Amino acid sequence: MSQMEINRVLEQIRSLSAQTKLGTAQANQTPPAGGSEFANILRKGVDQVNETAQHAAALSAAFERGTPGVELPQVMLEISKASVSFRALTEVRNRLVTAYQDIMNMQL
């Protein structure tokens, strides 16, 4: 992975971290009118994973068509990013389900 790609991934992580901290500060003030901040952050995460997968599929199709400027390493990198994103999303989902089950099994 090139230094530019690593920097871009780190910037995305920092951006998400800043959004989470901002969401925590806003949650302490007043609840949002249109729904929970957690649901919005989760929806954005799912949308980003979907966009990554669509971009990888489009790049793969462009490579298969022989579009100039689309190289195999670039396609493989994007497919790997999409795969990692999907696995991370699946892990988040699994942890949320486990947390929900733990809460539901608590004695009152």
PDB file of N, CA and C in Angstrom:
ATOM      1  N   MET A   1       0.873  -1.171   0.000  1.00  0.00           N
ATOM      2  CA  MET A   1       0.000   0.000   0.000  1.00  0.00           C
ATOM      3  C   MET A   1       0.912   1.224   0.000  1.00  0.00           C
ATOM      4  N   SER A   2       0.647   2.173  -0.854  1.00  0.00           N
ATOM      5  CA  SER A   2       1.492   3.338  -0.956  1.00  0.00           C
ATOM      6  C   SER A   2       1.249   4.289   0.209  1.00  0.00           C
ATOM      7  N   GLN A   3       2.182   5.187   0.401  1.00  0.00           N
ATOM      8  CA  GLN A   3       2.089   6.158   1.492  1.00  0.00           C
ATOM      9  C   GLN A   3       0.861   7.047   1.320  1.00  0.00           C
ATOM     10  N   MET A   4       0.519   7.374   0.068  1.00  0.00           N
ATOM     11  CA  MET A   4      -0.646   8.215  -0.195  1.00  0.00           C
ATOM     12  C   MET A   4      -1.929   7.500   0.221  1.00  0.00           C
ATOM     13  N   GLU A   5      -2.027   6.210  -0.071  1.00  0.00           N
ATOM     14  CA  GLU A   5      -3.208   5.428   0.305  1.00  0.00           C
ATOM     15  C   GLU A   5      -3.312   5.318   1.823  1.00  0.00           C
ATOM     16  N   ILE A   6      -2.187   5.094   2.484  1.00  0.00           N
ATOM     17  CA  ILE A   6      -2.190   5.003   3.943  1.00  0.00           C
ATOM     18  C   ILE A   6      -2.633   6.320   4.550  1.00  0.00           C
ATOM     19  N   ASN A   7      -2.129   7.417   4.027  1.00  0.00           N
ATOM     20  CA  ASN A   7      -2.527   8.729   4.542  1.00  0.00           C
ATOM     21  C   ASN A   7      -4.016   8.975   4.342  1.00  0.00           C
ATOM     22  N   ARG A   8      -4.559   8.537   3.216  1.00  0.00           N
ATOM     23  CA  ARG A   8      -5.984   8.728   2.946  1.00  0.00           C
ATOM     24  C   ARG A   8      -6.838   7.909   3.914  1.00  0.00           C
ATOM     25  N   VAL A   9      -6.425   6.685   4.188  1.00  0.00           N
ATOM     26  CA  VAL A   9      -7.152   5.838   5.135  1.00  0.00           C
ATOM     27  C   VAL A   9      -7.074   6.438   6.540  1.00  0.00           C
ATOM     28  N   LEU A  10      -5.897   6.904   6.917  1.00  0.00           N
ATOM     29  CA  LEU A  10      -5.749   7.538   8.235  1.00  0.00           C
ATOM     30  C   LEU A  10      -6.613   8.786   8.346  1.00  0.00           C
ATOM     31  N   GLU A  11      -6.707   9.552   7.287  1.00  0.00           N
ATOM     32  CA  GLU A  11      -7.545  10.754   7.292  1.00  0.00           C
ATOM     33  C   GLU A  11      -9.015  10.383   7.456  1.00  0.00           C
ATOM     34  N   GLN A  12      -9.454   9.303   6.809  1.00  0.00           N
ATOM     35  CA  GLN A  12     -10.833   8.849   6.962  1.00  0.00           C
ATOM     36  C   GLN A  12     -11.106   8.418   8.393  1.00  0.00           C
ATOM     37  N   ILE A  13     -10.152   7.718   8.996  1.00  0.00           N
ATOM     38  CA  ILE A  13     -10.312   7.288  10.386  1.00  0.00           C
ATOM     39  C   ILE A  13     -10.392   8.506  11.302  1.00  0.00           C
ATOM     40  N   ARG A  14      -9.533   9.478  11.077  1.00  0.00           N
ATOM     41  CA  ARG A  14      -9.572  10.698  11.900  1.00  0.00           C
ATOM     42  C   ARG A  14     -10.888  11.441  11.721  1.00  0.00           C
ATOM     43  N   SER A  15     -11.389  11.481  10.497  1.00  0.00           N
ATOM     44  CA  SER A  15     -12.655  12.153  10.228  1.00  0.00           C
ATOM     45  C   SER A  15     -13.800  11.471  10.962  1.00  0.00           C
ATOM     46  N   LEU A  16     -13.844  10.139  10.906  1.00  0.00           N
ATOM     47  CA  LEU A  16     -14.893   9.404  11.616  1.00  0.00           C
ATOM     48  C   LEU A  16     -14.769   9.587  13.120  1.00  0.00           C
ATOM     49  N   SER A  17     -13.543   9.617  13.605  1.00  0.00           N
ATOM     50  CA  SER A  17     -13.327   9.828  15.033  1.00  0.00           C
ATOM     51  C   SER A  17     -13.814  11.209  15.457  1.00  0.00           C
ATOM     52  N   ALA A  18     -13.528  12.213  14.638  1.00  0.00           N
ATOM     53  CA  ALA A  18     -13.986  13.573  14.946  1.00  0.00           C
ATOM     54  C   ALA A  18     -15.504  13.652  14.911  1.00  0.00           C
ATOM     55  N   GLN A  19     -16.128  12.964  13.956  1.00  0.00           N
ATOM     56  CA  GLN A  19     -17.586  12.956  13.886  1.00  0.00           C
ATOM     57  C   GLN A  19     -18.180  12.294  15.117  1.00  0.00           C
ATOM     58  N   THR A  20     -17.553  11.227  15.577  1.00  0.00           N
ATOM     59  CA  THR A  20     -18.037  10.529  16.764  1.00  0.00           C
ATOM     60  C   THR A  20     -17.920  11.425  17.988  1.00  0.00           C
ATOM     61  N   LYS A  21     -16.790  12.116  18.134  1.00  0.00           N
ATOM     62  CA  LYS A  21     -16.614  13.022  19.268  1.00  0.00           C
ATOM     63  C   LYS A  21     -17.613  14.167  19.195  1.00  0.00           C
ATOM     64  N   LEU A  22     -17.853  14.691  17.993  1.00  0.00           N
ATOM     65  CA  LEU A  22     -18.826  15.754  17.809  1.00  0.00           C
ATOM     66  C   LEU A  22     -20.214  15.250  18.156  1.00  0.00           C
ATOM     67  N   GLY A  23     -20.534  14.027  17.739  1.00  0.00           N
ATOM     68  CA  GLY A  23     -21.834  13.432  18.044  1.00  0.00           C
ATOM     69  C   GLY A  23     -22.020  13.256  19.538  1.00  0.00           C
ATOM     70  N   THR A  24     -20.946  12.894  20.261  1.00  0.00           N
ATOM     71  CA  THR A  24     -21.029  12.741  21.713  1.00  0.00           C
ATOM     72  C   THR A  24     -21.276  14.088  22.373  1.00  0.00           C
ATOM     73  N   ALA A  25     -20.612  15.129  21.892  1.00  0.00           N
ATOM     74  CA  ALA A  25     -20.815  16.465  22.460  1.00  0.00           C
ATOM     75  C   ALA A  25     -22.230  16.958  22.195  1.00  0.00           C
ATOM     76  N   GLN A  26     -22.759  16.684  21.008  1.00  0.00           N
ATOM     77  CA  GLN A  26     -24.113  17.105  20.690  1.00  0.00           C
ATOM     78  C   GLN A  26     -25.135  16.289  21.471  1.00  0.00           C
ATOM     79  N   ALA A  27     -24.844  15.028  21.722  1.00  0.00           N
ATOM     80  CA  ALA A  27     -25.780  14.181  22.470  1.00  0.00           C
ATOM     81  C   ALA A  27     -25.922  14.671  23.907  1.00  0.00           C
ATOM     82  N   ASN A  28     -24.868  15.260  24.444  1.00  0.00           N
ATOM     83  CA  ASN A  28     -24.938  15.784  25.803  1.00  0.00           C
ATOM     84  C   ASN A  28     -25.773  17.056  25.877  1.00  0.00           C
ATOM     85  N   GLN A  29     -25.921  17.757  24.754  1.00  0.00           N
ATOM     86  CA  GLN A  29     -26.665  19.005  24.752  1.00  0.00           C
ATOM     87  C   GLN A  29     -28.158  18.749  24.545  1.00  0.00           C
ATOM     88  N   THR A  30     -28.556  18.405  23.347  1.00  0.00           N
ATOM     89  CA  THR A  30     -29.961  18.146  23.052  1.00  0.00           C
ATOM     90  C   THR A  30     -30.062  17.003  22.054  1.00  0.00           C
ATOM     91  N   PRO A  31     -31.094  16.183  22.145  1.00  0.00           N
ATOM     92  CA  PRO A  31     -31.246  15.105  21.177  1.00  0.00           C
ATOM     93  C   PRO A  31     -31.664  15.657  19.816  1.00  0.00           C
ATOM     94  N   PRO A  32     -31.205  15.062  18.721  1.00  0.00           N
ATOM     95  CA  PRO A  32     -31.590  15.533  17.393  1.00  0.00           C
ATOM     96  C   PRO A  32     -33.069  15.279  17.142  1.00  0.00           C
ATOM     97  N   ALA A  33     -33.676  16.130  16.339  1.00  0.00           N
ATOM     98  CA  ALA A  33     -35.110  16.054  16.092  1.00  0.00           C
ATOM     99  C   ALA A  33     -35.474  14.928  15.134  1.00  0.00           C
ATOM    100  N   GLY A  34     -34.599  14.609  14.169  1.00  0.00           N
ATOM    101  CA  GLY A  34     -34.940  13.655  13.127  1.00  0.00           C
ATOM    102  C   GLY A  34     -34.533  12.226  13.407  1.00  0.00           C
ATOM    103  N   GLY A  35     -34.090  11.874  14.575  1.00  0.00           N
ATOM    104  CA  GLY A  35     -33.664  10.515  14.886  1.00  0.00           C
ATOM    105  C   GLY A  35     -32.397  10.538  15.699  1.00  0.00           C
ATOM    106  N   SER A  36     -31.907   9.382  16.052  1.00  0.00           N
ATOM    107  CA  SER A  36     -30.729   9.321  16.915  1.00  0.00           C
ATOM    108  C   SER A  36     -29.452   9.542  16.108  1.00  0.00           C
ATOM    109  N   GLU A  37     -28.481  10.111  16.771  1.00  0.00           N
ATOM    110  CA  GLU A  37     -27.187  10.353  16.149  1.00  0.00           C
ATOM    111  C   GLU A  37     -26.492   9.023  15.860  1.00  0.00           C
ATOM    112  N   PHE A  38     -26.687   8.044  16.743  1.00  0.00           N
ATOM    113  CA  PHE A  38     -26.095   6.722  16.551  1.00  0.00           C
ATOM    114  C   PHE A  38     -26.597   6.095  15.248  1.00  0.00           C
ATOM    115  N   ALA A  39     -27.893   6.192  15.021  1.00  0.00           N
ATOM    116  CA  ALA A  39     -28.468   5.633  13.800  1.00  0.00           C
ATOM    117  C   ALA A  39     -27.908   6.337  12.571  1.00  0.00           C
ATOM    118  N   ASN A  40     -27.717   7.638  12.652  1.00  0.00           N
ATOM    119  CA  ASN A  40     -27.161   8.384  11.516  1.00  0.00           C
ATOM    120  C   ASN A  40     -25.719   7.970  11.230  1.00  0.00           C
ATOM    121  N   ILE A  41     -24.922   7.797  12.288  1.00  0.00           N
ATOM    122  CA  ILE A  41     -23.533   7.382  12.107  1.00  0.00           C
ATOM    123  C   ILE A  41     -23.483   5.972  11.531  1.00  0.00           C
ATOM    124  N   LEU A  42     -24.335   5.104  12.031  1.00  0.00           N
ATOM    125  CA  LEU A  42     -24.383   3.734  11.522  1.00  0.00           C
ATOM    126  C   LEU A  42     -24.807   3.715  10.059  1.00  0.00           C
ATOM    127  N   ARG A  43     -25.790   4.523   9.705  1.00  0.00           N
ATOM    128  CA  ARG A  43     -26.258   4.604   8.316  1.00  0.00           C
ATOM    129  C   ARG A  43     -25.142   5.114   7.408  1.00  0.00           C
ATOM    130  N   LYS A  44     -24.395   6.124   7.872  1.00  0.00           N
ATOM    131  CA  LYS A  44     -23.287   6.644   7.070  1.00  0.00           C
ATOM    132  C   LYS A  44     -22.230   5.567   6.855  1.00  0.00           C
ATOM    133  N   GLY A  45     -21.960   4.782   7.899  1.00  0.00           N
ATOM    134  CA  GLY A  45     -20.984   3.702   7.773  1.00  0.00           C
ATOM    135  C   GLY A  45     -21.415   2.661   6.758  1.00  0.00           C
ATOM    136  N   VAL A  46     -22.679   2.276   6.796  1.00  0.00           N
ATOM    137  CA  VAL A  46     -23.202   1.301   5.839  1.00  0.00           C
ATOM    138  C   VAL A  46     -23.138   1.877   4.428  1.00  0.00           C
ATOM    139  N   ASP A  47     -23.484   3.147   4.284  1.00  0.00           N
ATOM    140  CA  ASP A  47     -23.435   3.789   2.966  1.00  0.00           C
ATOM    141  C   ASP A  47     -22.003   3.834   2.428  1.00  0.00           C
ATOM    142  N   GLN A  48     -21.033   4.111   3.310  1.00  0.00           N
ATOM    143  CA  GLN A  48     -19.642   4.163   2.868  1.00  0.00           C
ATOM    144  C   GLN A  48     -19.153   2.787   2.428  1.00  0.00           C
ATOM    145  N   VAL A  49     -19.541   1.753   3.157  1.00  0.00           N
ATOM    146  CA  VAL A  49     -19.165   0.388   2.761  1.00  0.00           C
ATOM    147  C   VAL A  49     -19.796   0.055   1.407  1.00  0.00           C
ATOM    148  N   ASN A  50     -21.039   0.448   1.232  1.00  0.00           N
ATOM    149  CA  ASN A  50     -21.717   0.201  -0.045  1.00  0.00           C
ATOM    150  C   ASN A  50     -21.028   0.939  -1.188  1.00  0.00           C
ATOM    151  N   GLU A  51     -20.671   2.190  -0.967  1.00  0.00           N
ATOM    152  CA  GLU A  51     -19.976   2.965  -2.003  1.00  0.00           C
ATOM    153  C   GLU A  51     -18.632   2.332  -2.352  1.00  0.00           C
ATOM    154  N   THR A  52     -17.911   1.853  -1.342  1.00  0.00           N
ATOM    155  CA  THR A  52     -16.621   1.213  -1.579  1.00  0.00           C
ATOM    156  C   THR A  52     -16.797  -0.042  -2.428  1.00  0.00           C
ATOM    157  N   ALA A  53     -17.822  -0.827  -2.112  1.00  0.00           N
ATOM    158  CA  ALA A  53     -18.079  -2.050  -2.884  1.00  0.00           C
ATOM    159  C   ALA A  53     -18.491  -1.718  -4.313  1.00  0.00           C
ATOM    160  N   GLN A  54     -19.320  -0.707  -4.489  1.00  0.00           N
ATOM    161  CA  GLN A  54     -19.742  -0.320  -5.836  1.00  0.00           C
ATOM    162  C   GLN A  54     -18.568   0.210  -6.655  1.00  0.00           C
ATOM    163  N   HIS A  55     -17.707   0.990  -6.006  1.00  0.00           N
ATOM    164  CA  HIS A  55     -16.531   1.520  -6.702  1.00  0.00           C
ATOM    165  C   HIS A  55     -15.613   0.381  -7.131  1.00  0.00           C
ATOM    166  N   ALA A  56     -15.407  -0.599  -6.258  1.00  0.00           N
ATOM    167  CA  ALA A  56     -14.560  -1.747  -6.595  1.00  0.00           C
ATOM    168  C   ALA A  56     -15.170  -2.535  -7.752  1.00  0.00           C
ATOM    169  N   ALA A  57     -16.476  -2.727  -7.736  1.00  0.00           N
ATOM    170  CA  ALA A  57     -17.142  -3.459  -8.818  1.00  0.00           C
ATOM    171  C   ALA A  57     -17.032  -2.700 -10.136  1.00  0.00           C
ATOM    172  N   ALA A  58     -17.201  -1.393 -10.085  1.00  0.00           N
ATOM    173  CA  ALA A  58     -17.102  -0.584 -11.305  1.00  0.00           C
ATOM    174  C   ALA A  58     -15.680  -0.612 -11.859  1.00  0.00           C
ATOM    175  N   LEU A  59     -14.696  -0.535 -10.972  1.00  0.00           N
ATOM    176  CA  LEU A  59     -13.301  -0.568 -11.404  1.00  0.00           C
ATOM    177  C   LEU A  59     -12.959  -1.936 -12.002  1.00  0.00           C
ATOM    178  N   SER A  60     -13.476  -2.992 -11.381  1.00  0.00           N
ATOM    179  CA  SER A  60     -13.259  -4.339 -11.895  1.00  0.00           C
ATOM    180  C   SER A  60     -13.871  -4.500 -13.288  1.00  0.00           C
ATOM    181  N   ALA A  61     -15.085  -3.988 -13.457  1.00  0.00           N
ATOM    182  CA  ALA A  61     -15.744  -4.070 -14.763  1.00  0.00           C
ATOM    183  C   ALA A  61     -14.968  -3.262 -15.809  1.00  0.00           C
ATOM    184  N   ALA A  62     -14.444  -2.106 -15.412  1.00  0.00           N
ATOM    185  CA  ALA A  62     -13.664  -1.290 -16.340  1.00  0.00           C
ATOM    186  C   ALA A  62     -12.389  -2.018 -16.754  1.00  0.00           C
ATOM    187  N   PHE A  63     -11.769  -2.707 -15.794  1.00  0.00           N
ATOM    188  CA  PHE A  63     -10.563  -3.472 -16.119  1.00  0.00           C
ATOM    189  C   PHE A  63     -10.895  -4.611 -17.076  1.00  0.00           C
ATOM    190  N   GLU A  64     -12.018  -5.287 -16.838  1.00  0.00           N
ATOM    191  CA  GLU A  64     -12.423  -6.391 -17.712  1.00  0.00           C
ATOM    192  C   GLU A  64     -12.705  -5.914 -19.132  1.00  0.00           C
ATOM    193  N   ARG A  65     -13.219  -4.687 -19.254  1.00  0.00           N
ATOM    194  CA  ARG A  65     -13.489  -4.125 -20.585  1.00  0.00           C
ATOM    195  C   ARG A  65     -12.224  -3.633 -21.263  1.00  0.00           C
ATOM    196  N   GLY A  66     -11.136  -3.515 -20.505  1.00  0.00           N
ATOM    197  CA  GLY A  66      -9.882  -3.055 -21.079  1.00  0.00           C
ATOM    198  C   GLY A  66      -9.770  -1.546 -21.135  1.00  0.00           C
ATOM    199  N   THR A  67     -10.439  -0.858 -20.238  1.00  0.00           N
ATOM    200  CA  THR A  67     -10.389   0.599 -20.196  1.00  0.00           C
ATOM    201  C   THR A  67      -8.957   1.055 -19.917  1.00  0.00           C
ATOM    202  N   PRO A  68      -8.426   1.974 -20.719  1.00  0.00           N
ATOM    203  CA  PRO A  68      -7.062   2.467 -20.488  1.00  0.00           C
ATOM    204  C   PRO A  68      -6.953   3.174 -19.141  1.00  0.00           C
ATOM    205  N   GLY A  69      -5.826   2.962 -18.487  1.00  0.00           N
ATOM    206  CA  GLY A  69      -5.575   3.630 -17.212  1.00  0.00           C
ATOM    207  C   GLY A  69      -6.034   2.839 -16.001  1.00  0.00           C
ATOM    208  N   VAL A  70      -6.719   1.723 -16.223  1.00  0.00           N
ATOM    209  CA  VAL A  70      -7.158   0.881 -15.108  1.00  0.00           C
ATOM    210  C   VAL A  70      -6.228  -0.319 -15.047  1.00  0.00           C
ATOM    211  N   GLU A  71      -5.446  -0.374 -13.983  1.00  0.00           N
ATOM    212  CA  GLU A  71      -4.439  -1.420 -13.837  1.00  0.00           C
ATOM    213  C   GLU A  71      -4.895  -2.466 -12.824  1.00  0.00           C
ATOM    214  N   LEU A  72      -4.388  -3.670 -12.964  1.00  0.00           N
ATOM    215  CA  LEU A  72      -4.750  -4.783 -12.082  1.00  0.00           C
ATOM    216  C   LEU A  72      -4.434  -4.495 -10.609  1.00  0.00           C
ATOM    217  N   PRO A  73      -3.256  -3.955 -10.272  1.00  0.00           N
ATOM    218  CA  PRO A  73      -2.992  -3.673  -8.848  1.00  0.00           C
ATOM    219  C   PRO A  73      -4.015  -2.699  -8.237  1.00  0.00           C
ATOM    220  N   GLN A  74      -4.419  -1.731  -9.015  1.00  0.00           N
ATOM    221  CA  GLN A  74      -5.425  -0.771  -8.554  1.00  0.00           C
ATOM    222  C   GLN A  74      -6.751  -1.485  -8.285  1.00  0.00           C
ATOM    223  N   VAL A  75      -7.148  -2.368  -9.182  1.00  0.00           N
ATOM    224  CA  VAL A  75      -8.395  -3.117  -9.025  1.00  0.00           C
ATOM    225  C   VAL A  75      -8.314  -4.009  -7.790  1.00  0.00           C
ATOM    226  N   MET A  76      -7.204  -4.716  -7.628  1.00  0.00           N
ATOM    227  CA  MET A  76      -7.042  -5.612  -6.483  1.00  0.00           C
ATOM    228  C   MET A  76      -7.056  -4.836  -5.167  1.00  0.00           C
ATOM    229  N   LEU A  77      -6.455  -3.663  -5.145  1.00  0.00           N
ATOM    230  CA  LEU A  77      -6.450  -2.841  -3.944  1.00  0.00           C
ATOM    231  C   LEU A  77      -7.867  -2.407  -3.565  1.00  0.00           C
ATOM    232  N   GLU A  78      -8.631  -1.979  -4.545  1.00  0.00           N
ATOM    233  CA  GLU A  78     -10.004  -1.545  -4.274  1.00  0.00           C
ATOM    234  C   GLU A  78     -10.887  -2.710  -3.826  1.00  0.00           C
ATOM    235  N   ILE A  79     -10.682  -3.881  -4.415  1.00  0.00           N
ATOM    236  CA  ILE A  79     -11.448  -5.060  -3.995  1.00  0.00           C
ATOM    237  C   ILE A  79     -11.077  -5.443  -2.563  1.00  0.00           C
ATOM    238  N   SER A  80      -9.797  -5.344  -2.237  1.00  0.00           N
ATOM    239  CA  SER A  80      -9.363  -5.638  -0.866  1.00  0.00           C
ATOM    240  C   SER A  80      -9.946  -4.646   0.123  1.00  0.00           C
ATOM    241  N   LYS A  81      -9.975  -3.365  -0.242  1.00  0.00           N
ATOM    242  CA  LYS A  81     -10.577  -2.351   0.623  1.00  0.00           C
ATOM    243  C   LYS A  81     -12.057  -2.654   0.865  1.00  0.00           C
ATOM    244  N   ALA A  82     -12.753  -3.026  -0.200  1.00  0.00           N
ATOM    245  CA  ALA A  82     -14.174  -3.338  -0.064  1.00  0.00           C
ATOM    246  C   ALA A  82     -14.375  -4.553   0.840  1.00  0.00           C
ATOM    247  N   SER A  83     -13.525  -5.537   0.702  1.00  0.00           N
ATOM    248  CA  SER A  83     -13.628  -6.743   1.518  1.00  0.00           C
ATOM    249  C   SER A  83     -13.373  -6.431   2.990  1.00  0.00           C
ATOM    250  N   VAL A  84     -12.342  -5.645   3.269  1.00  0.00           N
ATOM    251  CA  VAL A  84     -12.027  -5.277   4.647  1.00  0.00           C
ATOM    252  C   VAL A  84     -13.152  -4.436   5.239  1.00  0.00           C
ATOM    253  N   SER A  85     -13.683  -3.521   4.465  1.00  0.00           N
ATOM    254  CA  SER A  85     -14.789  -2.685   4.936  1.00  0.00           C
ATOM    255  C   SER A  85     -16.002  -3.533   5.289  1.00  0.00           C
ATOM    256  N   PHE A  86     -16.316  -4.502   4.437  1.00  0.00           N
ATOM    257  CA  PHE A  86     -17.465  -5.355   4.685  1.00  0.00           C
ATOM    258  C   PHE A  86     -17.256  -6.222   5.922  1.00  0.00           C
ATOM    259  N   ARG A  87     -16.045  -6.758   6.082  1.00  0.00           N
ATOM    260  CA  ARG A  87     -15.764  -7.573   7.271  1.00  0.00           C
ATOM    261  C   ARG A  87     -15.843  -6.741   8.539  1.00  0.00           C
ATOM    262  N   ALA A  88     -15.365  -5.496   8.479  1.00  0.00           N
ATOM    263  CA  ALA A  88     -15.455  -4.613   9.647  1.00  0.00           C
ATOM    264  C   ALA A  88     -16.907  -4.304   9.980  1.00  0.00           C
ATOM    265  N   LEU A  89     -17.712  -4.046   8.964  1.00  0.00           N
ATOM    266  CA  LEU A  89     -19.132  -3.779   9.185  1.00  0.00           C
ATOM    267  C   LEU A  89     -19.825  -5.000   9.781  1.00  0.00           C
ATOM    268  N   THR A  90     -19.484  -6.179   9.297  1.00  0.00           N
ATOM    269  CA  THR A  90     -20.056  -7.414   9.839  1.00  0.00           C
ATOM    270  C   THR A  90     -19.670  -7.593  11.299  1.00  0.00           C
ATOM    271  N   GLU A  91     -18.430  -7.272  11.640  1.00  0.00           N
ATOM    272  CA  GLU A  91     -17.981  -7.383  13.038  1.00  0.00           C
ATOM    273  C   GLU A  91     -18.721  -6.398  13.931  1.00  0.00           C
ATOM    274  N   VAL A  92     -18.945  -5.182  13.442  1.00  0.00           N
ATOM    275  CA  VAL A  92     -19.713  -4.193  14.211  1.00  0.00           C
ATOM    276  C   VAL A  92     -21.131  -4.701  14.432  1.00  0.00           C
ATOM    277  N   ARG A  93     -21.727  -5.243  13.385  1.00  0.00           N
ATOM    278  CA  ARG A  93     -23.071  -5.798  13.511  1.00  0.00           C
ATOM    279  C   ARG A  93     -23.115  -6.918  14.545  1.00  0.00           C
ATOM    280  N   ASN A  94     -22.129  -7.817  14.494  1.00  0.00           N
ATOM    281  CA  ASN A  94     -22.089  -8.928  15.437  1.00  0.00           C
ATOM    282  C   ASN A  94     -21.953  -8.435  16.880  1.00  0.00           C
ATOM    283  N   ARG A  95     -21.140  -7.423  17.074  1.00  0.00           N
ATOM    284  CA  ARG A  95     -20.962  -6.881  18.431  1.00  0.00           C
ATOM    285  C   ARG A  95     -22.220  -6.177  18.917  1.00  0.00           C
ATOM    286  N   LEU A  96     -22.914  -5.500  18.028  1.00  0.00           N
ATOM    287  CA  LEU A  96     -24.172  -4.852  18.408  1.00  0.00           C
ATOM    288  C   LEU A  96     -25.227  -5.887  18.792  1.00  0.00           C
ATOM    289  N   VAL A  97     -25.291  -6.957  18.037  1.00  0.00           N
ATOM    290  CA  VAL A  97     -26.249  -8.023  18.355  1.00  0.00           C
ATOM    291  C   VAL A  97     -25.904  -8.652  19.698  1.00  0.00           C
ATOM    292  N   THR A  98     -24.624  -8.901  19.943  1.00  0.00           N
ATOM    293  CA  THR A  98     -24.201  -9.471  21.225  1.00  0.00           C
ATOM    294  C   THR A  98     -24.540  -8.532  22.382  1.00  0.00           C
ATOM    295  N   ALA A  99     -24.287  -7.240  22.201  1.00  0.00           N
ATOM    296  CA  ALA A  99     -24.611  -6.263  23.250  1.00  0.00           C
ATOM    297  C   ALA A  99     -26.112  -6.231  23.503  1.00  0.00           C
ATOM    298  N   TYR A 100     -26.900  -6.278  22.447  1.00  0.00           N
ATOM    299  CA  TYR A 100     -28.358  -6.288  22.587  1.00  0.00           C
ATOM    300  C   TYR A 100     -28.810  -7.530  23.348  1.00  0.00           C
ATOM    301  N   GLN A 101     -28.253  -8.682  23.002  1.00  0.00           N
ATOM    302  CA  GLN A 101     -28.627  -9.913  23.681  1.00  0.00           C
ATOM    303  C   GLN A 101     -28.224  -9.881  25.152  1.00  0.00           C
ATOM    304  N   ASP A 102     -27.045  -9.316  25.451  1.00  0.00           N
ATOM    305  CA  ASP A 102     -26.613  -9.195  26.840  1.00  0.00           C
ATOM    306  C   ASP A 102     -27.562  -8.308  27.639  1.00  0.00           C
ATOM    307  N   ILE A 103     -27.985  -7.213  27.037  1.00  0.00           N
ATOM    308  CA  ILE A 103     -28.908  -6.311  27.716  1.00  0.00           C
ATOM    309  C   ILE A 103     -30.259  -6.970  27.930  1.00  0.00           C
ATOM    310  N   MET A 104     -30.727  -7.700  26.934  1.00  0.00           N
ATOM    311  CA  MET A 104     -32.024  -8.353  27.060  1.00  0.00           C
ATOM    312  C   MET A 104     -32.003  -9.481  28.089  1.00  0.00           C
ATOM    313  N   ASN A 105     -30.846 -10.085  28.337  1.00  0.00           N
ATOM    314  CA  ASN A 105     -30.736 -11.175  29.304  1.00  0.00           C
ATOM    315  C   ASN A 105     -30.472 -10.696  30.726  1.00  0.00           C
ATOM    316  N   MET A 106     -30.324  -9.394  30.922  1.00  0.00           N
ATOM    317  CA  MET A 106     -30.072  -8.867  32.276  1.00  0.00           C
ATOM    318  C   MET A 106     -31.308  -9.026  33.148  1.00  0.00           C
ATOM    319  N   GLN A 107     -31.041  -9.309  34.409  1.00  0.00           N
ATOM    320  CA  GLN A 107     -32.136  -9.412  35.372  1.00  0.00           C
ATOM    321  C   GLN A 107     -32.505  -8.010  35.847  1.00  0.00           C
ATOM    322  N   LEU A 108     -33.814  -7.785  36.001  1.00  0.00           N
ATOM    323  CA  LEU A 108     -34.271  -6.482  36.481  1.00  0.00           C
ATOM    324  C   LEU A 108     -34.381  -6.456  37.964  1.00  0.00           C
TER     325      LEU A 108
END
